[in-house]
Amino acid sequence: MRLQGKKIVSLVHGEFEDLELWYPILRLKEEGAIVHLVGEEANEKYIGKYGLPAQSELAYRDIKPEEYDAILVPGGWAPDKIRRFPEVISLIQHMEENEKPIGQICHAGWVLISAKILQGKKVTSTPGIKDDMENAGAIWYDEPVVTDGHLVSSRRPPDLPDYLREFINVLEQKVIS
């Protein structure tokens, strides 16, 4: 178990992309990580685009970023809601400033755009927000996964195995160093 005891925030809100939320959570738990599902409110039930439920454990305002090793932002339509919370923007900025792994897939780039952390970063996303990413200063690639330091980005559900393999590697290296 490569990530034993490491703590990760997984953000959630309604209309998340079901696989992009659940696959990373399950995969990271398989590696021994502690993953907290964090939403607008604690103990709130959110429904994914395809009907899968997810219940938050904590609220955005309850998170102390210094207590976590990494963060994941799912895709779907949830990122457009998630990025509206100042607590989330602060959390993403803290992770960026402290070079803690940030995982983002599909439309999750919207959250990073709102946090203003993409200037000069190499990324990927769903092609639908390519222009948004580039307008935020990112260098966009159409690849299954793109890593730029502690930032790991991916395009869509078929890329999840590549995305998680790379995210786990980045987090493991961050833990060692």
Protein backbone atom coordinates (compact mmCIF):
# COMPACT_ATOMS: atom_id res chain seq x y z
CA MET A 1 0.00 0.00 0.00
CA ARG A 2 1.97 2.89 -1.40
CA LEU A 3 -0.05 5.73 0.16
CA GLN A 4 -0.68 4.37 3.63
CA GLY A 5 -2.04 7.13 5.89
CA LYS A 6 -1.87 9.92 3.31
CA LYS A 7 -4.88 12.26 3.44
CA ILE A 8 -6.61 13.46 0.30
CA VAL A 9 -9.52 15.84 -0.24
CA SER A 10 -11.95 14.84 -2.99
CA LEU A 11 -14.31 17.69 -3.83
CA VAL A 12 -17.94 16.99 -4.72
CA HIS A 13 -21.09 18.81 -5.78
CA GLY A 14 -24.18 17.85 -7.74
CA GLU A 15 -23.86 16.54 -11.29
CA PHE A 16 -20.30 15.27 -10.84
CA GLU A 17 -19.15 12.80 -13.49
CA ASP A 18 -19.76 9.51 -11.69
CA LEU A 19 -16.63 7.63 -12.79
CA GLU A 20 -14.38 10.67 -12.40
CA LEU A 21 -15.41 10.97 -8.75
CA TRP A 22 -15.60 7.32 -7.69
CA TYR A 23 -12.76 5.67 -9.60
CA PRO A 24 -10.05 7.91 -8.05
CA ILE A 25 -11.51 7.54 -4.54
CA LEU A 26 -11.61 3.75 -4.74
CA ARG A 27 -8.20 3.48 -6.38
CA LEU A 28 -6.54 5.72 -3.78
CA LYS A 29 -8.16 3.79 -0.93
CA GLU A 30 -6.74 0.60 -2.45
CA GLU A 31 -3.30 2.18 -1.99
CA GLY A 32 -4.02 2.96 1.68
CA ALA A 33 -4.90 6.64 1.39
CA ILE A 34 -7.53 8.30 3.55
CA VAL A 35 -9.90 10.13 1.19
CA HIS A 36 -12.41 12.65 2.54
CA LEU A 37 -15.34 13.51 0.33
CA VAL A 38 -15.93 17.23 0.83
CA GLY A 39 -18.97 19.21 -0.35
CA GLU A 40 -20.84 22.44 0.24
CA GLU A 41 -22.27 20.94 3.43
CA ALA A 42 -21.20 17.98 5.56
CA ASN A 43 -23.34 14.84 5.35
CA GLU A 44 -25.10 16.06 2.21
CA LYS A 45 -26.10 13.66 -0.55
CA TYR A 46 -25.04 14.66 -4.07
CA ILE A 47 -26.17 12.88 -7.23
CA GLY A 48 -23.87 12.33 -10.19
CA LYS A 49 -24.75 12.91 -13.84
CA TYR A 50 -25.68 9.24 -14.25
CA GLY A 51 -27.42 8.80 -10.91
CA LEU A 52 -24.72 7.55 -8.55
CA PRO A 53 -24.99 9.13 -5.10
CA ALA A 54 -22.11 10.47 -3.02
CA GLN A 55 -22.44 11.71 0.56
CA SER A 56 -19.98 14.33 1.76
CA GLU A 57 -18.19 13.76 5.03
CA LEU A 58 -17.10 17.36 5.53
CA ALA A 59 -17.97 20.84 4.28
CA TYR A 60 -15.58 23.00 2.27
CA ARG A 61 -15.34 25.43 5.20
CA ASP A 62 -14.27 22.62 7.57
CA ILE A 63 -11.08 21.74 5.71
CA LYS A 64 -7.70 22.73 7.06
CA PRO A 65 -5.50 22.39 3.97
CA GLU A 66 -2.31 21.93 5.96
CA GLU A 67 -3.75 18.60 7.21
CA TYR A 68 -3.96 17.15 3.68
CA ASP A 69 -1.41 15.79 1.25
CA ALA A 70 -3.35 16.24 -2.01
CA ILE A 71 -6.65 17.24 -3.62
CA LEU A 72 -8.83 15.85 -6.40
CA VAL A 73 -11.36 17.77 -8.46
CA PRO A 74 -13.86 15.65 -10.43
CA GLY A 75 -15.36 16.53 -13.77
CA GLY A 76 -18.92 16.72 -14.96
CA TRP A 77 -20.92 19.86 -14.29
CA ALA A 78 -19.93 19.95 -10.61
CA PRO A 79 -16.78 22.07 -11.17
CA ASP A 80 -18.92 25.00 -12.32
CA LYS A 81 -20.59 24.93 -8.89
CA ILE A 82 -17.51 24.01 -6.85
CA ARG A 83 -15.51 27.00 -8.13
CA ARG A 84 -18.02 29.46 -6.69
CA PHE A 85 -16.90 28.82 -3.09
CA PRO A 86 -14.09 31.02 -1.74
CA GLU A 87 -13.06 28.19 0.62
CA VAL A 88 -12.42 25.93 -2.36
CA ILE A 89 -10.41 28.60 -4.17
CA SER A 90 -8.28 29.09 -1.04
CA LEU A 91 -7.82 25.34 -0.70
CA ILE A 92 -6.63 24.98 -4.32
CA GLN A 93 -4.30 27.98 -3.92
CA HIS A 94 -2.84 26.50 -0.72
CA MET A 95 -2.16 23.21 -2.52
CA GLU A 96 -0.52 25.10 -5.38
CA GLU A 97 1.63 27.30 -3.11
CA ASN A 98 2.78 24.25 -1.12
CA GLU A 99 3.31 22.11 -4.22
CA LYS A 100 0.91 19.43 -3.00
CA PRO A 101 -0.53 17.18 -5.72
CA ILE A 102 -3.62 18.53 -7.46
CA GLY A 103 -5.58 16.13 -9.64
CA GLN A 104 -8.10 17.46 -12.14
CA ILE A 105 -10.04 15.74 -14.90
CA CYS A 106 -12.46 16.80 -17.62
CA HIS A 107 -14.22 20.07 -16.65
CA ALA A 108 -12.33 20.27 -13.32
CA GLY A 109 -10.01 22.77 -14.95
CA TRP A 110 -12.70 25.39 -14.35
CA VAL A 111 -11.89 25.26 -10.61
CA LEU A 112 -8.18 25.79 -11.27
CA ILE A 113 -8.99 28.64 -13.67
CA SER A 114 -11.01 30.36 -10.94
CA ALA A 115 -8.13 29.81 -8.51
CA LYS A 116 -5.84 31.55 -11.01
CA ILE A 117 -3.09 28.91 -10.84
CA LEU A 118 -2.75 27.85 -14.49
CA GLN A 119 -0.46 30.54 -15.92
CA GLY A 120 2.32 28.72 -17.80
CA LYS A 121 1.19 25.24 -16.64
CA LYS A 122 1.06 22.24 -18.96
CA VAL A 123 -2.40 20.65 -18.77
CA THR A 124 -5.11 18.69 -20.48
CA SER A 125 -8.88 18.61 -20.02
CA THR A 126 -11.97 17.80 -21.95
CA PRO A 127 -11.50 19.49 -25.33
CA GLY A 128 -14.68 21.47 -24.57
CA ILE A 129 -12.78 23.76 -22.17
CA LYS A 130 -9.49 23.92 -24.09
CA ASP A 131 -10.07 27.60 -24.90
CA ASP A 132 -10.87 28.37 -21.24
CA MET A 133 -7.66 26.67 -20.12
CA GLU A 134 -5.55 28.49 -22.71
CA ASN A 135 -7.20 31.83 -21.92
CA ALA A 136 -6.16 31.26 -18.30
CA GLY A 137 -2.56 30.97 -19.47
CA ALA A 138 -2.22 27.18 -19.58
CA ILE A 139 -0.43 25.24 -22.30
CA TRP A 140 -2.99 22.64 -23.40
CA TYR A 141 -2.26 19.15 -24.76
CA ASP A 142 -4.66 16.55 -26.15
CA GLU A 143 -3.21 13.60 -24.20
CA PRO A 144 -4.68 11.10 -21.71
CA VAL A 145 -2.69 12.58 -18.83
CA VAL A 146 -0.39 15.58 -18.50
CA THR A 147 1.82 16.19 -15.47
CA ASP A 148 3.44 19.50 -14.66
CA GLY A 149 5.21 19.17 -11.33
CA HIS A 150 2.51 18.49 -8.74
CA LEU A 151 -0.39 19.16 -11.14
CA VAL A 152 -1.86 16.06 -12.81
CA SER A 153 -4.60 16.56 -15.39
CA SER A 154 -6.65 14.23 -17.55
CA ARG A 155 -9.34 14.41 -20.23
CA ARG A 156 -12.21 11.96 -19.65
CA PRO A 157 -13.29 8.59 -18.15
CA PRO A 158 -11.39 6.32 -20.60
CA ASP A 159 -8.18 8.04 -19.40
CA LEU A 160 -8.79 7.22 -15.71
CA PRO A 161 -6.25 4.36 -15.45
CA ASP A 162 -3.46 6.59 -16.84
CA TYR A 163 -4.62 9.51 -14.67
CA LEU A 164 -4.60 7.57 -11.42
CA ARG A 165 -1.37 5.75 -12.16
CA GLU A 166 0.32 9.15 -12.63
CA PHE A 167 -1.45 10.84 -9.70
CA ILE A 168 -0.38 8.02 -7.37
CA ASN A 169 3.21 8.26 -8.65
CA VAL A 170 3.29 12.04 -8.08
CA LEU A 171 1.81 11.72 -4.59
CA GLU A 172 4.17 8.89 -3.72
CA GLN A 173 7.18 10.96 -4.86
CA LYS A 174 5.92 13.97 -2.88
CA VAL A 175 5.62 11.76 0.20
CA ILE A 176 9.20 10.48 -0.20
CA SER A 177 10.77 13.90 -0.80
